[in-house]
């Protein structure tokens, strides 16, 4: 099994290999009529994939959210935004490649974008801290938030991080303050804020760019207060061995969060996950973004701020009938 394949993907990928081989054989031997056999095998592959993904556990979805081949923010930026111009540095200490942002156009609408990224190979992952954002990244994000406000441009945020960087240097450089200032900045912004969680939405590291008027989430993304391994360590006092059980307990998946109002829409992924068909995944994201941004653009500045405040004040509130 390829090291990038998950265990439940193995039989599906093996069946797809047989399909490819049969298709190649068909092309090499046009005198043979293999249409019926090929169609039956293709139908079996689709049926097996649907059945497998209908039975995924929450822990399986966590693993999908972390899949090494899962489309990263750069793919969505290239596919959805026109003429992106990246801005770098927090103008204080330096630049953080784990969080990028700049100016762009989304369907003829000028926007400011923010995006977290993990890297697609070892060199990129080291450069991008494996997605863990430093204070410089959050301060750069705040600078771009202020520019969005100044030039009256909607803010688009693509979230994909296991969390904020937790080393000593990050604490010394003001990690907690940088995150807190971002939260305060976003809650009072006068422009629409649209957030899409494309992979992992880990703790305050994700929330620092996710205080939106609308929060959308990919079908196999996760959004949680702490990684399952950390929850396992807190509850079972272990080194993450009970992460699957922790995941079932605190429910960080998109359908779970939609039920309790943490997110506004689950964006369907192609059969087998976004990594199996990135182009289709990007098209699905674009349709959802277009719908929500169009609605948000009809709201006044006062309505945008009030709706954002009400949204986050009401999170976690339940009546007696819901307990």
C-alpha atoms as a PDB file:
ATOM      1  CA  UNK A   1       0.000   0.000   0.000  1.00  0.00           C
ATOM      2  CA  UNK A   2       1.244   3.471  -0.858  1.00  0.00           C
ATOM      3  CA  UNK A   3       2.239   5.392   2.276  1.00  0.00           C
ATOM      4  CA  UNK A   4      -0.215   8.148   1.353  1.00  0.00           C
ATOM      5  CA  UNK A   5      -3.165   5.723   1.108  1.00  0.00           C
ATOM      6  CA  UNK A   6      -5.449   5.192   4.087  1.00  0.00           C
ATOM      7  CA  UNK A   7      -6.350   1.608   4.961  1.00  0.00           C
ATOM      8  CA  UNK A   8      -9.999   1.940   3.896  1.00  0.00           C
ATOM      9  CA  UNK A   9      -8.873   3.414   0.558  1.00  0.00           C
ATOM     10  CA  UNK A  10      -6.716   0.441  -0.419  1.00  0.00           C
ATOM     11  CA  UNK A  11      -9.423  -1.813  -1.960  1.00  0.00           C
ATOM     12  CA  UNK A  12     -10.956   1.176  -3.758  1.00  0.00           C
ATOM     13  CA  UNK A  13      -7.659   2.240  -5.289  1.00  0.00           C
ATOM     14  CA  UNK A  14      -6.857  -1.352  -6.236  1.00  0.00           C
ATOM     15  CA  UNK A  15     -10.171  -1.613  -8.069  1.00  0.00           C
ATOM     16  CA  UNK A  16      -9.450   1.657  -9.869  1.00  0.00           C
ATOM     17  CA  UNK A  17      -6.100   0.262 -11.000  1.00  0.00           C
ATOM     18  CA  UNK A  18      -7.899  -2.713 -12.524  1.00  0.00           C
ATOM     19  CA  UNK A  19     -10.246  -0.287 -14.285  1.00  0.00           C
ATOM     20  CA  UNK A  20      -7.320   1.647 -15.732  1.00  0.00           C
ATOM     21  CA  UNK A  21      -5.634  -1.537 -16.901  1.00  0.00           C
ATOM     22  CA  UNK A  22      -8.829  -2.777 -18.528  1.00  0.00           C
ATOM     23  CA  UNK A  23      -9.382   0.579 -20.230  1.00  0.00           C
ATOM     24  CA  UNK A  24      -5.823   0.516 -21.598  1.00  0.00           C
ATOM     25  CA  UNK A  25      -6.363  -3.042 -22.860  1.00  0.00           C
ATOM     26  CA  UNK A  26      -9.626  -1.961 -24.547  1.00  0.00           C
ATOM     27  CA  UNK A  27      -7.847   0.806 -26.433  1.00  0.00           C
ATOM     28  CA  UNK A  28      -5.090  -1.565 -27.526  1.00  0.00           C
ATOM     29  CA  UNK A  29      -7.604  -4.151 -28.751  1.00  0.00           C
ATOM     30  CA  UNK A  30     -10.534  -2.346 -30.391  1.00  0.00           C
ATOM     31  CA  UNK A  31     -11.596  -5.588 -32.077  1.00  0.00           C
ATOM     32  CA  UNK A  32     -12.726  -6.911 -28.687  1.00  0.00           C
ATOM     33  CA  UNK A  33     -16.036  -5.706 -27.256  1.00  0.00           C
ATOM     34  CA  UNK A  34     -15.358  -5.184 -23.562  1.00  0.00           C
ATOM     35  CA  UNK A  35     -17.910  -2.426 -23.057  1.00  0.00           C
ATOM     36  CA  UNK A  36     -20.252  -4.452 -20.868  1.00  0.00           C
ATOM     37  CA  UNK A  37     -17.505  -5.815 -18.624  1.00  0.00           C
ATOM     38  CA  UNK A  38     -15.891  -2.404 -18.240  1.00  0.00           C
ATOM     39  CA  UNK A  39     -19.218  -0.762 -17.344  1.00  0.00           C
ATOM     40  CA  UNK A  40     -19.939  -3.477 -14.749  1.00  0.00           C
ATOM     41  CA  UNK A  41     -16.509  -3.074 -13.138  1.00  0.00           C
ATOM     42  CA  UNK A  42     -16.885   0.707 -13.074  1.00  0.00           C
ATOM     43  CA  UNK A  43     -20.305   0.391 -11.449  1.00  0.00           C
ATOM     44  CA  UNK A  44     -18.866  -1.957  -8.842  1.00  0.00           C
ATOM     45  CA  UNK A  45     -16.080   0.518  -8.070  1.00  0.00           C
ATOM     46  CA  UNK A  46     -18.524   3.382  -7.559  1.00  0.00           C
ATOM     47  CA  UNK A  47     -20.828   1.240  -5.413  1.00  0.00           C
ATOM     48  CA  UNK A  48     -17.960   0.037  -3.216  1.00  0.00           C
ATOM     49  CA  UNK A  49     -16.690   3.598  -2.765  1.00  0.00           C
ATOM     50  CA  UNK A  50     -20.140   4.877  -1.793  1.00  0.00           C
ATOM     51  CA  UNK A  51     -20.651   2.052   0.693  1.00  0.00           C
ATOM     52  CA  UNK A  52     -17.210   2.571   2.214  1.00  0.00           C
ATOM     53  CA  UNK A  53     -17.627   6.320   2.673  1.00  0.00           C
ATOM     54  CA  UNK A  54     -21.131   5.984   4.078  1.00  0.00           C
ATOM     55  CA  UNK A  55     -19.681   3.895   6.921  1.00  0.00           C
ATOM     56  CA  UNK A  56     -16.709   6.119   7.787  1.00  0.00           C
ATOM     57  CA  UNK A  57     -16.159   6.737  11.480  1.00  0.00           C
ATOM     58  CA  UNK A  58     -15.403  10.199  12.794  1.00  0.00           C
ATOM     59  CA  UNK A  59     -11.782   9.127  13.229  1.00  0.00           C
ATOM     60  CA  UNK A  60     -11.667   8.088   9.562  1.00  0.00           C
ATOM     61  CA  UNK A  61     -12.820  11.602   8.656  1.00  0.00           C
ATOM     62  CA  UNK A  62     -10.080  13.097  10.832  1.00  0.00           C
ATOM     63  CA  UNK A  63      -7.574  11.055   8.852  1.00  0.00           C
ATOM     64  CA  UNK A  64      -9.107  12.259   5.590  1.00  0.00           C
ATOM     65  CA  UNK A  65      -8.847  15.871   6.763  1.00  0.00           C
ATOM     66  CA  UNK A  66      -5.118  15.247   7.313  1.00  0.00           C
ATOM     67  CA  UNK A  67      -4.587  13.290   4.084  1.00  0.00           C
ATOM     68  CA  UNK A  68      -1.161  14.174   2.588  1.00  0.00           C
ATOM     69  CA  UNK A  69      -2.723  14.538  -0.853  1.00  0.00           C
ATOM     70  CA  UNK A  70      -5.651  16.682   0.270  1.00  0.00           C
ATOM     71  CA  UNK A  71      -5.932  19.895  -1.803  1.00  0.00           C
ATOM     72  CA  UNK A  72      -4.290  22.820  -0.083  1.00  0.00           C
ATOM     73  CA  UNK A  73      -5.199  26.493  -0.007  1.00  0.00           C
ATOM     74  CA  UNK A  74      -2.928  27.266  -2.955  1.00  0.00           C
ATOM     75  CA  UNK A  75      -5.103  25.077  -5.201  1.00  0.00           C
ATOM     76  CA  UNK A  76      -8.277  26.919  -4.193  1.00  0.00           C
ATOM     77  CA  UNK A  77      -6.599  30.296  -4.602  1.00  0.00           C
ATOM     78  CA  UNK A  78      -5.467  29.399  -8.124  1.00  0.00           C
ATOM     79  CA  UNK A  79      -8.828  27.885  -9.061  1.00  0.00           C
ATOM     80  CA  UNK A  80     -11.189  30.437  -7.511  1.00  0.00           C
ATOM     81  CA  UNK A  81      -9.411  33.795  -7.420  1.00  0.00           C
ATOM     82  CA  UNK A  82      -8.219  35.959 -10.294  1.00  0.00           C
ATOM     83  CA  UNK A  83      -4.983  37.945 -10.295  1.00  0.00           C
ATOM     84  CA  UNK A  84      -3.974  37.216  -6.683  1.00  0.00           C
ATOM     85  CA  UNK A  85      -1.258  39.513  -5.343  1.00  0.00           C
ATOM     86  CA  UNK A  86       0.357  38.173  -2.179  1.00  0.00           C
ATOM     87  CA  UNK A  87       1.533  40.516   0.555  1.00  0.00           C
ATOM     88  CA  UNK A  88       4.237  39.364   2.962  1.00  0.00           C
ATOM     89  CA  UNK A  89       5.558  40.180   6.427  1.00  0.00           C
ATOM     90  CA  UNK A  90       3.929  41.467   9.588  1.00  0.00           C
ATOM     91  CA  UNK A  91       6.101  44.623   9.332  1.00  0.00           C
ATOM     92  CA  UNK A  92       7.462  43.847  12.776  1.00  0.00           C
ATOM     93  CA  UNK A  93       9.468  40.605  12.916  1.00  0.00           C
ATOM     94  CA  UNK A  94       9.175  38.825   9.587  1.00  0.00           C
ATOM     95  CA  UNK A  95       7.072  36.605   7.366  1.00  0.00           C
ATOM     96  CA  UNK A  96       5.346  33.290   8.077  1.00  0.00           C
ATOM     97  CA  UNK A  97       4.733  30.989   5.121  1.00  0.00           C
ATOM     98  CA  UNK A  98       2.152  28.951   7.075  1.00  0.00           C
ATOM     99  CA  UNK A  99      -0.294  31.834   6.564  1.00  0.00           C
ATOM    100  CA  UNK A 100      -0.499  33.697   3.272  1.00  0.00           C
ATOM    101  CA  UNK A 101      -2.762  36.463   2.059  1.00  0.00           C
ATOM    102  CA  UNK A 102      -3.220  39.357  -0.285  1.00  0.00           C
ATOM    103  CA  UNK A 103      -5.512  41.034  -2.810  1.00  0.00           C
ATOM    104  CA  UNK A 104      -7.454  39.260  -5.554  1.00  0.00           C
ATOM    105  CA  UNK A 105     -10.718  39.168  -7.478  1.00  0.00           C
ATOM    106  CA  UNK A 106     -13.557  36.698  -6.961  1.00  0.00           C
ATOM    107  CA  UNK A 107     -15.977  36.761  -9.874  1.00  0.00           C
ATOM    108  CA  UNK A 108     -15.346  40.461 -10.631  1.00  0.00           C
ATOM    109  CA  UNK A 109     -15.527  41.381  -6.934  1.00  0.00           C
ATOM    110  CA  UNK A 110     -12.291  42.726  -5.412  1.00  0.00           C
ATOM    111  CA  UNK A 111     -11.481  40.802  -2.224  1.00  0.00           C
ATOM    112  CA  UNK A 112      -8.778  40.263   0.377  1.00  0.00           C
ATOM    113  CA  UNK A 113      -7.880  36.632   1.023  1.00  0.00           C
ATOM    114  CA  UNK A 114      -6.188  34.799   3.902  1.00  0.00           C
ATOM    115  CA  UNK A 115      -5.133  31.152   3.736  1.00  0.00           C
ATOM    116  CA  UNK A 116      -3.304  28.658   5.899  1.00  0.00           C
ATOM    117  CA  UNK A 117      -1.152  26.027   4.251  1.00  0.00           C
ATOM    118  CA  UNK A 118       0.848  22.962   5.298  1.00  0.00           C
ATOM    119  CA  UNK A 119       2.999  22.303   2.227  1.00  0.00           C
ATOM    120  CA  UNK A 120       2.893  19.490  -0.306  1.00  0.00           C
ATOM    121  CA  UNK A 121       6.380  18.024   0.186  1.00  0.00           C
ATOM    122  CA  UNK A 122       8.984  17.881   2.952  1.00  0.00           C
ATOM    123  CA  UNK A 123      10.761  21.085   1.902  1.00  0.00           C
ATOM    124  CA  UNK A 124       7.505  23.055   1.758  1.00  0.00           C
ATOM    125  CA  UNK A 125       6.248  21.547   5.011  1.00  0.00           C
ATOM    126  CA  UNK A 126       9.388  22.613   6.818  1.00  0.00           C
ATOM    127  CA  UNK A 127       9.111  26.107   5.318  1.00  0.00           C
ATOM    128  CA  UNK A 128       5.446  26.292   6.359  1.00  0.00           C
ATOM    129  CA  UNK A 129       5.956  24.774   9.831  1.00  0.00           C
ATOM    130  CA  UNK A 130       3.664  21.864   8.857  1.00  0.00           C
ATOM    131  CA  UNK A 131       0.775  24.345   9.038  1.00  0.00           C
ATOM    132  CA  UNK A 132       1.442  25.585  12.581  1.00  0.00           C
ATOM    133  CA  UNK A 133       1.195  29.373  12.426  1.00  0.00           C
ATOM    134  CA  UNK A 134       3.642  31.696  14.205  1.00  0.00           C
ATOM    135  CA  UNK A 135       2.688  35.109  15.665  1.00  0.00           C
ATOM    136  CA  UNK A 136       4.131  36.772  12.545  1.00  0.00           C
ATOM    137  CA  UNK A 137       1.483  34.998  10.472  1.00  0.00           C
ATOM    138  CA  UNK A 138      -1.379  36.188  12.639  1.00  0.00           C
ATOM    139  CA  UNK A 139      -0.037  39.754  12.695  1.00  0.00           C
ATOM    140  CA  UNK A 140       0.262  39.654   8.907  1.00  0.00           C
ATOM    141  CA  UNK A 141      -3.348  38.462   8.778  1.00  0.00           C
ATOM    142  CA  UNK A 142      -4.441  41.358  10.969  1.00  0.00           C
ATOM    143  CA  UNK A 143      -2.644  43.811   8.690  1.00  0.00           C
ATOM    144  CA  UNK A 144      -4.603  42.395   5.751  1.00  0.00           C
ATOM    145  CA  UNK A 145      -7.857  42.550   7.714  1.00  0.00           C
ATOM    146  CA  UNK A 146      -7.249  46.257   8.264  1.00  0.00           C
ATOM    147  CA  UNK A 147      -6.586  46.740   4.545  1.00  0.00           C
ATOM    148  CA  UNK A 148      -9.844  44.947   3.737  1.00  0.00           C
ATOM    149  CA  UNK A 149     -11.646  47.377   6.023  1.00  0.00           C
ATOM    150  CA  UNK A 150      -9.833  50.384   4.585  1.00  0.00           C
ATOM    151  CA  UNK A 151     -10.596  49.531   0.947  1.00  0.00           C
ATOM    152  CA  UNK A 152     -14.046  48.019   1.636  1.00  0.00           C
ATOM    153  CA  UNK A 153     -13.197  44.575   0.296  1.00  0.00           C
ATOM    154  CA  UNK A 154     -14.834  41.348   1.519  1.00  0.00           C
ATOM    155  CA  UNK A 155     -12.493  39.044   3.421  1.00  0.00           C
ATOM    156  CA  UNK A 156     -12.195  35.401   2.272  1.00  0.00           C
ATOM    157  CA  UNK A 157     -10.477  32.975   4.651  1.00  0.00           C
ATOM    158  CA  UNK A 158      -9.324  29.426   3.858  1.00  0.00           C
ATOM    159  CA  UNK A 159      -8.631  27.545   7.093  1.00  0.00           C
ATOM    160  CA  UNK A 160      -6.286  24.547   7.282  1.00  0.00           C
ATOM    161  CA  UNK A 161      -4.072  24.281  10.354  1.00  0.00           C
ATOM    162  CA  UNK A 162      -3.536  21.760  13.153  1.00  0.00           C
ATOM    163  CA  UNK A 163      -3.185  24.775  15.467  1.00  0.00           C
ATOM    164  CA  UNK A 164      -1.074  27.757  16.435  1.00  0.00           C
ATOM    165  CA  UNK A 165       2.640  27.128  16.879  1.00  0.00           C
ATOM    166  CA  UNK A 166       3.362  26.228  20.494  1.00  0.00           C
ATOM    167  CA  UNK A 167       7.144  26.570  20.842  1.00  0.00           C
ATOM    168  CA  UNK A 168       8.880  28.888  23.304  1.00  0.00           C
ATOM    169  CA  UNK A 169       9.768  31.410  20.590  1.00  0.00           C
ATOM    170  CA  UNK A 170       6.103  31.800  19.601  1.00  0.00           C
ATOM    171  CA  UNK A 171       5.134  32.513  23.190  1.00  0.00           C
ATOM    172  CA  UNK A 172       7.985  35.004  23.580  1.00  0.00           C
ATOM    173  CA  UNK A 173       6.904  36.762  20.371  1.00  0.00           C
ATOM    174  CA  UNK A 174       3.328  37.179  21.618  1.00  0.00           C
ATOM    175  CA  UNK A 175       1.324  34.265  20.204  1.00  0.00           C
ATOM    176  CA  UNK A 176      -1.636  34.672  22.578  1.00  0.00           C
ATOM    177  CA  UNK A 177      -1.787  38.426  22.021  1.00  0.00           C
ATOM    178  CA  UNK A 178      -1.615  38.059  18.241  1.00  0.00           C
ATOM    179  CA  UNK A 179      -4.543  35.617  18.238  1.00  0.00           C
ATOM    180  CA  UNK A 180      -6.603  37.747  20.644  1.00  0.00           C
ATOM    181  CA  UNK A 181      -6.039  40.876  18.551  1.00  0.00           C
ATOM    182  CA  UNK A 182      -7.217  39.033  15.442  1.00  0.00           C
ATOM    183  CA  UNK A 183     -10.420  37.949  17.169  1.00  0.00           C
ATOM    184  CA  UNK A 184     -11.105  41.521  18.282  1.00  0.00           C
ATOM    185  CA  UNK A 185     -10.291  42.857  14.807  1.00  0.00           C
ATOM    186  CA  UNK A 186     -12.563  40.439  12.945  1.00  0.00           C
ATOM    187  CA  UNK A 187     -15.596  40.819  15.174  1.00  0.00           C
ATOM    188  CA  UNK A 188     -15.810  44.551  14.397  1.00  0.00           C
ATOM    189  CA  UNK A 189     -14.919  44.551  10.696  1.00  0.00           C
ATOM    190  CA  UNK A 190     -17.321  46.488   8.484  1.00  0.00           C
ATOM    191  CA  UNK A 191     -16.985  44.158   5.479  1.00  0.00           C
ATOM    192  CA  UNK A 192     -18.374  40.653   4.857  1.00  0.00           C
ATOM    193  CA  UNK A 193     -16.205  37.797   6.149  1.00  0.00           C
ATOM    194  CA  UNK A 194     -16.605  34.397   4.499  1.00  0.00           C
ATOM    195  CA  UNK A 195     -14.707  31.448   5.990  1.00  0.00           C
ATOM    196  CA  UNK A 196     -14.122  28.041   4.378  1.00  0.00           C
ATOM    197  CA  UNK A 197     -12.576  25.238   6.438  1.00  0.00           C
ATOM    198  CA  UNK A 198     -10.846  23.095   3.816  1.00  0.00           C
ATOM    199  CA  UNK A 199      -8.902  20.668   6.007  1.00  0.00           C
ATOM    200  CA  UNK A 200      -8.074  20.923   9.690  1.00  0.00           C
ATOM    201  CA  UNK A 201      -9.501  23.706  11.793  1.00  0.00           C
ATOM    202  CA  UNK A 202      -7.444  23.379  14.923  1.00  0.00           C
ATOM    203  CA  UNK A 203      -8.237  25.364  18.052  1.00  0.00           C
ATOM    204  CA  UNK A 204      -7.411  29.085  18.391  1.00  0.00           C
ATOM    205  CA  UNK A 205      -4.952  28.700  15.542  1.00  0.00           C
ATOM    206  CA  UNK A 206      -7.912  28.296  13.199  1.00  0.00           C
ATOM    207  CA  UNK A 207     -10.304  30.671  14.970  1.00  0.00           C
ATOM    208  CA  UNK A 208      -7.779  33.509  14.594  1.00  0.00           C
ATOM    209  CA  UNK A 209      -8.841  33.825  10.939  1.00  0.00           C
ATOM    210  CA  UNK A 210     -12.291  32.206  11.211  1.00  0.00           C
ATOM    211  CA  UNK A 211     -14.552  34.746  12.938  1.00  0.00           C
ATOM    212  CA  UNK A 212     -16.855  35.027   9.953  1.00  0.00           C
ATOM    213  CA  UNK A 213     -20.369  36.059   9.047  1.00  0.00           C
ATOM    214  CA  UNK A 214     -20.656  32.693   7.339  1.00  0.00           C
ATOM    215  CA  UNK A 215     -18.514  29.636   8.039  1.00  0.00           C
ATOM    216  CA  UNK A 216     -18.524  26.855   5.439  1.00  0.00           C
ATOM    217  CA  UNK A 217     -16.863  23.483   5.854  1.00  0.00           C
ATOM    218  CA  UNK A 218     -15.726  20.784   3.460  1.00  0.00           C
ATOM    219  CA  UNK A 219     -17.471  17.445   3.967  1.00  0.00           C
ATOM    220  CA  UNK A 220     -14.368  15.678   5.314  1.00  0.00           C
ATOM    221  CA  UNK A 221     -12.792  18.613   7.125  1.00  0.00           C
ATOM    222  CA  UNK A 222     -12.667  18.895  10.921  1.00  0.00           C
ATOM    223  CA  UNK A 223     -13.027  21.865  13.272  1.00  0.00           C
ATOM    224  CA  UNK A 224     -12.263  21.417  16.947  1.00  0.00           C
ATOM    225  CA  UNK A 225     -11.108  23.026  20.177  1.00  0.00           C
ATOM    226  CA  UNK A 226      -8.067  20.696  20.308  1.00  0.00           C
ATOM    227  CA  UNK A 227      -6.698  17.777  18.247  1.00  0.00           C
ATOM    228  CA  UNK A 228      -8.114  14.343  19.154  1.00  0.00           C
ATOM    229  CA  UNK A 229      -4.690  13.307  20.435  1.00  0.00           C
ATOM    230  CA  UNK A 230      -4.672  16.213  22.889  1.00  0.00           C
ATOM    231  CA  UNK A 231      -8.173  15.324  24.101  1.00  0.00           C
ATOM    232  CA  UNK A 232      -7.009  11.751  24.574  1.00  0.00           C
ATOM    233  CA  UNK A 233      -4.105  12.962  26.683  1.00  0.00           C
ATOM    234  CA  UNK A 234      -6.378  15.135  28.837  1.00  0.00           C
ATOM    235  CA  UNK A 235      -9.066  12.504  29.454  1.00  0.00           C
ATOM    236  CA  UNK A 236      -7.084   9.247  29.452  1.00  0.00           C
ATOM    237  CA  UNK A 237      -3.684  10.663  30.483  1.00  0.00           C
ATOM    238  CA  UNK A 238      -2.036   8.866  27.564  1.00  0.00           C
ATOM    239  CA  UNK A 239      -0.059   9.853  24.456  1.00  0.00           C
ATOM    240  CA  UNK A 240      -2.999   9.867  22.058  1.00  0.00           C
ATOM    241  CA  UNK A 241      -3.853   6.169  21.995  1.00  0.00           C
ATOM    242  CA  UNK A 242      -7.525   6.948  22.654  1.00  0.00           C
ATOM    243  CA  UNK A 243      -7.790   9.593  19.927  1.00  0.00           C
ATOM    244  CA  UNK A 244     -10.472   7.640  17.996  1.00  0.00           C
ATOM    245  CA  UNK A 245     -12.646   7.430  21.120  1.00  0.00           C
ATOM    246  CA  UNK A 246     -12.061  11.121  21.838  1.00  0.00           C
ATOM    247  CA  UNK A 247     -13.151  11.971  18.292  1.00  0.00           C
ATOM    248  CA  UNK A 248     -16.416  10.076  18.735  1.00  0.00           C
ATOM    249  CA  UNK A 249     -16.998  11.956  21.976  1.00  0.00           C
ATOM    250  CA  UNK A 250     -16.489  15.565  20.961  1.00  0.00           C
ATOM    251  CA  UNK A 251     -17.634  15.283  17.332  1.00  0.00           C
ATOM    252  CA  UNK A 252     -15.434  17.626  15.239  1.00  0.00           C
ATOM    253  CA  UNK A 253     -16.874  16.658  11.840  1.00  0.00           C
ATOM    254  CA  UNK A 254     -18.889  18.839   9.483  1.00  0.00           C
ATOM    255  CA  UNK A 255     -22.337  17.183   9.920  1.00  0.00           C
ATOM    256  CA  UNK A 256     -21.967  17.342  13.708  1.00  0.00           C
ATOM    257  CA  UNK A 257     -21.062  21.027  13.689  1.00  0.00           C
ATOM    258  CA  UNK A 258     -23.846  21.904  11.270  1.00  0.00           C
ATOM    259  CA  UNK A 259     -26.386  20.416  13.704  1.00  0.00           C
ATOM    260  CA  UNK A 260     -25.283  22.683  16.565  1.00  0.00           C
ATOM    261  CA  UNK A 261     -24.931  25.821  14.435  1.00  0.00           C
ATOM    262  CA  UNK A 262     -21.151  26.201  14.546  1.00  0.00           C
ATOM    263  CA  UNK A 263     -21.029  26.207  10.732  1.00  0.00           C
ATOM    264  CA  UNK A 264     -23.535  27.307   8.087  1.00  0.00           C
ATOM    265  CA  UNK A 265     -23.040  24.782   5.281  1.00  0.00           C
ATOM    266  CA  UNK A 266     -21.319  21.498   4.532  1.00  0.00           C
ATOM    267  CA  UNK A 267     -19.700  21.594   1.087  1.00  0.00           C
ATOM    268  CA  UNK A 268     -19.954  18.188  -0.559  1.00  0.00           C
ATOM    269  CA  UNK A 269     -16.727  16.584  -1.702  1.00  0.00           C
ATOM    270  CA  UNK A 270     -16.249  14.348  -4.760  1.00  0.00           C
ATOM    271  CA  UNK A 271     -16.742  10.632  -4.184  1.00  0.00           C
ATOM    272  CA  UNK A 272     -13.669   9.396  -2.322  1.00  0.00           C
ATOM    273  CA  UNK A 273     -12.701  12.792  -0.940  1.00  0.00           C
ATOM    274  CA  UNK A 274     -11.380  16.085  -2.313  1.00  0.00           C
ATOM    275  CA  UNK A 275      -7.938  14.576  -3.015  1.00  0.00           C
ATOM    276  CA  UNK A 276      -9.477  12.173  -5.538  1.00  0.00           C
ATOM    277  CA  UNK A 277     -10.847  15.012  -7.698  1.00  0.00           C
ATOM    278  CA  UNK A 278      -9.478  18.444  -6.681  1.00  0.00           C
ATOM    279  CA  UNK A 279     -11.059  20.236  -9.652  1.00  0.00           C
ATOM    280  CA  UNK A 280     -14.557  19.091  -8.697  1.00  0.00           C
ATOM    281  CA  UNK A 281     -13.873  20.015  -5.085  1.00  0.00           C
ATOM    282  CA  UNK A 282     -12.871  23.530  -6.144  1.00  0.00           C
ATOM    283  CA  UNK A 283     -16.015  23.924  -8.237  1.00  0.00           C
ATOM    284  CA  UNK A 284     -18.166  22.916  -5.257  1.00  0.00           C
ATOM    285  CA  UNK A 285     -16.396  25.451  -3.059  1.00  0.00           C
ATOM    286  CA  UNK A 286     -16.846  28.162  -5.659  1.00  0.00           C
ATOM    287  CA  UNK A 287     -20.602  27.592  -5.897  1.00  0.00           C
ATOM    288  CA  UNK A 288     -20.995  27.764  -2.134  1.00  0.00           C
ATOM    289  CA  UNK A 289     -18.829  30.865  -1.833  1.00  0.00           C
ATOM    290  CA  UNK A 290     -20.726  32.626  -4.603  1.00  0.00           C
ATOM    291  CA  UNK A 291     -24.066  31.958  -2.898  1.00  0.00           C
ATOM    292  CA  UNK A 292     -23.043  33.164   0.552  1.00  0.00           C
ATOM    293  CA  UNK A 293     -20.964  36.133  -0.572  1.00  0.00           C
ATOM    294  CA  UNK A 294     -23.834  37.381  -2.748  1.00  0.00           C
ATOM    295  CA  UNK A 295     -26.130  37.294   0.285  1.00  0.00           C
ATOM    296  CA  UNK A 296     -23.607  38.992   2.561  1.00  0.00           C
ATOM    297  CA  UNK A 297     -22.993  41.781   0.052  1.00  0.00           C
ATOM    298  CA  UNK A 298     -26.634  42.833   0.468  1.00  0.00           C
ATOM    299  CA  UNK A 299     -26.135  43.569   4.187  1.00  0.00           C
ATOM    300  CA  UNK A 300     -25.192  46.942   5.644  1.00  0.00           C
ATOM    301  CA  UNK A 301     -22.055  47.484   7.734  1.00  0.00           C
ATOM    302  CA  UNK A 302     -24.127  47.628  10.888  1.00  0.00           C
ATOM    303  CA  UNK A 303     -25.953  44.422  10.010  1.00  0.00           C
ATOM    304  CA  UNK A 304     -22.688  42.587   9.273  1.00  0.00           C
ATOM    305  CA  UNK A 305     -21.178  43.526  12.640  1.00  0.00           C
ATOM    306  CA  UNK A 306     -24.364  42.736  14.549  1.00  0.00           C
ATOM    307  CA  UNK A 307     -24.835  39.384  12.820  1.00  0.00           C
ATOM    308  CA  UNK A 308     -21.238  38.414  13.587  1.00  0.00           C
ATOM    309  CA  UNK A 309     -21.547  39.413  17.236  1.00  0.00           C
ATOM    310  CA  UNK A 310     -24.850  37.565  17.649  1.00  0.00           C
ATOM    311  CA  UNK A 311     -23.435  34.483  15.964  1.00  0.00           C
ATOM    312  CA  UNK A 312     -20.545  34.047  18.385  1.00  0.00           C
ATOM    313  CA  UNK A 313     -22.475  35.095  21.475  1.00  0.00           C
ATOM    314  CA  UNK A 314     -25.023  32.374  20.780  1.00  0.00           C
ATOM    315  CA  UNK A 315     -22.552  29.542  20.233  1.00  0.00           C
ATOM    316  CA  UNK A 316     -22.854  27.034  23.057  1.00  0.00           C
ATOM    317  CA  UNK A 317     -26.208  28.330  24.315  1.00  0.00           C
ATOM    318  CA  UNK A 318     -28.848  25.651  24.752  1.00  0.00           C
ATOM    319  CA  UNK A 319     -32.334  25.727  26.195  1.00  0.00           C
ATOM    320  CA  UNK A 320     -33.661  23.216  28.705  1.00  0.00           C
ATOM    321  CA  UNK A 321     -35.417  21.264  25.934  1.00  0.00           C
ATOM    322  CA  UNK A 322     -32.093  20.779  24.139  1.00  0.00           C
ATOM    323  CA  UNK A 323     -30.144  19.464  27.099  1.00  0.00           C
END
